[in-house]
Amino acid sequence: MAAILEIETPVTQPNTEMETADTPVFDESALVAKAQGGDVSAFSQLITQYERKIYRLAKRITQSDEDAEDVLQDSFMKAYEHLDSFQGNSKFYTWLVRITVNEALMKLRKRKGDKTVSLDDPGDNGDEPIVREIAVWEGDPEQRYSQEELRSLLDDAIQNLKPSFRTVFLLRDVEELSTEETASLLNLSIPAVKSRLLRARLDLRERLTRMFKKKGDDLFAYL
């Protein structure tokens, strides 16, 4: 089976998903049904559709190209092996994200002696008040930077979040899982998920504000 599901390491170029009249419509449900019936080519189409997103999610959690590649392979292999257990109560991609996060977190737990990857946050029960100044952006960032530059700045800011905050942010705001799904997946309480998400958003805003200011200062210095 491993030979069937060989997955090439995703390239880093942005994935432009522009559809034209000649582009076939991607029908996830139909492909999943075919794959569950033993159609390997249908599962290969699912891999092609989602491998970039899954790789990007795995890399953001593990912060390692090598680990992200392993997680990518392991996630699709596990999904293929357990296709019969997928009941269609959620989107296949959401189910795949759950598998990926579990695989990525297992990678982190295996990094012995690396204290930076712990997802435990003692005392974070979601009940403590959060009093914090929110930085105000001067001007509209979209008018000052291209979409590619903004995406790069956001990726850098996300990578520098505390691991426990970063994972919650990725699941809730990037992968758009519900609070309940995120809590269940990470074995956290709902208040803890909400607390970590709020802190992640505040931290991101502060980091991005500093990045915008620095880039602006660098530009003025050059001029």
Protein backbone atom coordinates (compact mmCIF):
# COMPACT_ATOMS: atom_id res chain seq x y z
CA MET A 1 0.00 0.00 0.00
CA ALA A 2 2.88 2.34 0.77
CA ALA A 3 4.03 2.05 -2.84
CA ILE A 4 0.61 3.07 -4.06
CA LEU A 5 0.50 6.20 -1.95
CA GLU A 6 3.89 7.70 -2.72
CA ILE A 7 3.53 11.45 -2.23
CA GLU A 8 6.02 13.91 -3.60
CA THR A 9 7.17 16.68 -1.31
CA PRO A 10 5.01 19.70 -2.13
CA VAL A 11 6.79 22.53 -3.87
CA THR A 12 6.78 25.90 -2.20
CA GLN A 13 5.26 27.90 -5.03
CA PRO A 14 1.83 29.35 -4.20
CA ASN A 15 -1.07 27.24 -5.33
CA THR A 16 -3.26 29.24 -7.68
CA GLU A 17 -6.62 27.53 -7.76
CA MET A 18 -8.22 29.47 -10.58
CA GLU A 19 -11.09 27.63 -12.17
CA THR A 20 -12.12 28.02 -15.77
CA ALA A 21 -15.01 26.67 -17.76
CA ASP A 22 -12.81 23.74 -18.80
CA THR A 23 -11.72 22.91 -15.25
CA PRO A 24 -13.52 19.82 -13.92
CA VAL A 25 -15.57 20.38 -10.77
CA PHE A 26 -14.00 18.79 -7.70
CA ASP A 27 -16.63 16.57 -6.08
CA GLU A 28 -15.21 15.49 -2.73
CA SER A 29 -18.13 13.28 -1.72
CA ALA A 30 -18.11 11.37 -4.99
CA LEU A 31 -14.35 10.82 -4.83
CA VAL A 32 -14.54 9.63 -1.23
CA ALA A 33 -17.30 7.17 -2.13
CA LYS A 34 -15.23 5.82 -5.01
CA ALA A 35 -12.13 5.58 -2.82
CA GLN A 36 -14.09 3.69 -0.17
CA GLY A 37 -15.14 1.31 -2.94
CA GLY A 38 -11.50 0.56 -3.73
CA ASP A 39 -10.80 3.14 -6.44
CA VAL A 40 -7.17 4.14 -5.75
CA SER A 41 -7.20 6.79 -8.49
CA ALA A 42 -10.05 8.56 -6.69
CA PHE A 43 -7.99 8.68 -3.50
CA SER A 44 -5.04 9.97 -5.51
CA GLN A 45 -7.23 12.86 -6.67
CA LEU A 46 -8.03 13.64 -3.03
CA ILE A 47 -4.30 13.65 -2.29
CA THR A 48 -3.65 16.01 -5.19
CA GLN A 49 -6.40 18.35 -3.98
CA TYR A 50 -5.28 18.57 -0.36
CA GLU A 51 -1.57 17.74 -0.13
CA ARG A 52 -0.40 21.36 -0.23
CA LYS A 53 -2.81 22.39 2.55
CA ILE A 54 -1.96 19.38 4.67
CA TYR A 55 1.78 19.92 4.22
CA ARG A 56 1.44 23.60 5.10
CA LEU A 57 -0.58 22.78 8.24
CA ALA A 58 1.92 20.10 9.29
CA LYS A 59 4.85 22.45 8.79
CA ARG A 60 3.20 25.24 10.76
CA ILE A 61 2.66 22.90 13.69
CA THR A 62 6.00 21.06 13.61
CA GLN A 63 8.08 23.96 12.24
CA SER A 64 10.18 21.41 10.38
CA ASP A 65 10.30 20.53 6.69
CA GLU A 66 11.39 16.97 7.42
CA ASP A 67 8.72 16.36 10.06
CA ALA A 68 6.07 17.95 7.84
CA GLU A 69 6.95 15.55 5.04
CA ASP A 70 6.64 12.60 7.43
CA VAL A 71 3.33 13.88 8.77
CA LEU A 72 2.05 14.32 5.21
CA GLN A 73 2.88 10.73 4.31
CA ASP A 74 1.62 9.29 7.58
CA SER A 75 -1.63 11.26 7.47
CA PHE A 76 -2.61 10.12 3.98
CA MET A 77 -1.57 6.55 4.74
CA LYS A 78 -3.68 6.52 7.90
CA ALA A 79 -6.60 8.11 6.07
CA TYR A 80 -6.38 5.46 3.35
CA GLU A 81 -6.17 2.63 5.86
CA HIS A 82 -9.19 3.92 7.80
CA LEU A 83 -11.40 5.07 4.92
CA ASP A 84 -14.13 2.68 6.01
CA SER A 85 -14.42 4.49 9.33
CA PHE A 86 -15.20 7.81 7.64
CA GLN A 87 -18.98 8.20 8.01
CA GLY A 88 -19.40 11.49 6.16
CA ASN A 89 -20.62 13.37 9.25
CA SER A 90 -18.11 16.10 8.40
CA LYS A 91 -16.18 17.06 5.31
CA PHE A 92 -13.44 14.63 4.32
CA TYR A 93 -10.93 17.48 4.54
CA THR A 94 -11.97 18.20 8.14
CA TRP A 95 -11.50 14.52 8.97
CA LEU A 96 -8.10 14.61 7.28
CA VAL A 97 -7.12 17.70 9.28
CA ARG A 98 -7.89 15.84 12.52
CA ILE A 99 -5.61 12.99 11.46
CA THR A 100 -2.87 15.44 10.45
CA VAL A 101 -2.99 17.35 13.72
CA ASN A 102 -2.77 14.12 15.71
CA GLU A 103 0.22 12.99 13.65
CA ALA A 104 1.90 16.39 13.98
CA LEU A 105 1.37 16.50 17.75
CA MET A 106 2.83 13.01 18.07
CA LYS A 107 5.90 14.27 16.21
CA LEU A 108 6.23 17.10 18.69
CA ARG A 109 5.89 14.81 21.69
CA LYS A 110 8.70 12.60 20.36
CA ARG A 111 11.15 15.48 20.36
CA LYS A 112 12.81 14.66 23.66
CA GLY A 113 14.32 17.57 25.49
CA ASP A 114 12.75 20.23 23.25
CA LYS A 115 10.86 22.38 25.73
CA THR A 116 9.65 24.77 23.07
CA VAL A 117 7.16 22.32 21.62
CA SER A 118 5.15 21.53 24.74
CA LEU A 119 1.45 22.16 24.24
CA ASP A 120 0.81 22.16 27.99
CA ASP A 121 0.05 25.54 29.46
CA PRO A 122 -0.27 25.28 33.27
CA GLY A 123 -2.96 27.49 34.71
CA ASP A 124 -4.63 28.20 31.36
CA ASN A 125 -8.22 27.36 32.26
CA GLY A 126 -9.85 30.15 30.29
CA ASP A 127 -11.22 31.84 33.40
CA GLU A 128 -8.51 34.37 34.10
CA PRO A 129 -9.08 37.91 32.83
CA ILE A 130 -6.97 39.12 29.93
CA VAL A 131 -6.14 42.81 30.17
CA ARG A 132 -3.98 43.91 27.31
CA GLU A 133 -3.54 46.93 25.10
CA ILE A 134 -4.33 46.27 21.45
CA ALA A 135 -1.96 48.02 19.08
CA VAL A 136 -3.52 50.20 16.41
CA TRP A 137 -2.32 49.88 12.83
CA GLU A 138 -1.45 53.16 11.17
CA GLY A 139 -2.94 53.20 7.70
CA ASP A 140 -4.33 50.25 5.78
CA PRO A 141 -1.77 47.42 5.43
CA GLU A 142 -3.50 46.22 2.25
CA GLN A 143 -2.73 49.56 0.62
CA ARG A 144 0.95 49.39 1.59
CA TYR A 145 1.81 45.77 0.83
CA SER A 146 0.99 43.22 -1.84
CA GLN A 147 -1.06 40.11 -0.99
CA GLU A 148 2.11 38.02 -1.23
CA GLU A 149 3.93 40.31 1.24
CA LEU A 150 0.98 40.25 3.64
CA ARG A 151 0.81 36.45 3.45
CA SER A 152 4.52 36.21 4.16
CA LEU A 153 4.26 38.56 7.14
CA LEU A 154 1.31 36.61 8.53
CA ASP A 155 3.11 33.27 8.10
CA ASP A 156 6.16 34.64 9.95
CA ALA A 157 3.98 35.96 12.76
CA ILE A 158 2.10 32.65 13.10
CA GLN A 159 5.35 30.67 13.23
CA ASN A 160 6.51 32.77 16.17
CA LEU A 161 3.41 32.23 18.27
CA LYS A 162 3.70 30.11 21.40
CA PRO A 163 3.03 26.48 20.28
CA SER A 164 -0.12 26.09 22.38
CA PHE A 165 -1.55 29.31 20.93
CA ARG A 166 -0.37 28.60 17.38
CA THR A 167 -2.09 25.20 17.19
CA VAL A 168 -5.42 26.56 18.40
CA PHE A 169 -5.19 29.51 16.01
CA LEU A 170 -4.42 27.24 13.05
CA LEU A 171 -7.34 24.94 13.78
CA ARG A 172 -9.90 27.67 14.49
CA ASP A 173 -8.96 30.56 12.21
CA VAL A 174 -7.06 28.83 9.41
CA GLU A 175 -8.69 25.41 9.12
CA GLU A 176 -11.99 26.80 10.45
CA LEU A 177 -12.79 23.95 12.82
CA SER A 178 -15.42 24.71 15.45
CA THR A 179 -14.48 25.52 19.03
CA GLU A 180 -15.94 22.19 20.09
CA GLU A 181 -13.97 20.26 17.46
CA THR A 182 -10.76 22.04 18.43
CA ALA A 183 -11.33 21.35 22.13
CA SER A 184 -12.00 17.67 21.46
CA LEU A 185 -9.00 17.30 19.18
CA LEU A 186 -6.56 18.94 21.60
CA ASN A 187 -8.17 17.50 24.74
CA LEU A 188 -8.86 20.99 26.09
CA SER A 189 -11.88 22.62 27.67
CA ILE A 190 -13.93 25.00 25.52
CA PRO A 191 -12.99 27.98 27.78
CA ALA A 192 -9.31 27.07 27.36
CA VAL A 193 -9.67 27.02 23.57
CA LYS A 194 -11.38 30.43 23.62
CA SER A 195 -8.71 31.84 25.92
CA ARG A 196 -5.81 30.58 23.80
CA LEU A 197 -7.47 31.79 20.60
CA LEU A 198 -7.94 35.28 22.02
CA ARG A 199 -4.33 35.41 23.19
CA ALA A 200 -3.11 34.17 19.81
CA ARG A 201 -5.10 36.85 17.98
CA LEU A 202 -3.82 39.59 20.29
CA ASP A 203 -0.25 38.35 19.99
CA LEU A 204 -0.52 38.19 16.19
CA ARG A 205 -1.85 41.72 16.00
CA GLU A 206 1.03 43.04 18.09
CA ARG A 207 3.61 41.11 16.07
CA LEU A 208 2.16 42.30 12.77
CA THR A 209 2.03 45.88 14.02
CA ARG A 210 5.75 45.73 14.84
CA MET A 211 6.49 44.15 11.44
CA PHE A 212 4.53 46.84 9.57
CA LYS A 213 6.30 49.59 11.50
CA LYS A 214 9.75 48.08 10.90
CA LYS A 215 9.14 47.63 7.17
CA GLY A 216 7.86 51.19 6.99
CA ASP A 217 10.91 52.52 8.85
CA ASP A 218 13.24 50.52 6.58
CA LEU A 219 11.50 51.94 3.51
CA PHE A 220 11.78 55.54 4.76
CA ALA A 221 15.46 54.97 5.62
CA TYR A 222 16.10 53.71 2.08
CA LEU A 223 14.33 56.68 0.56
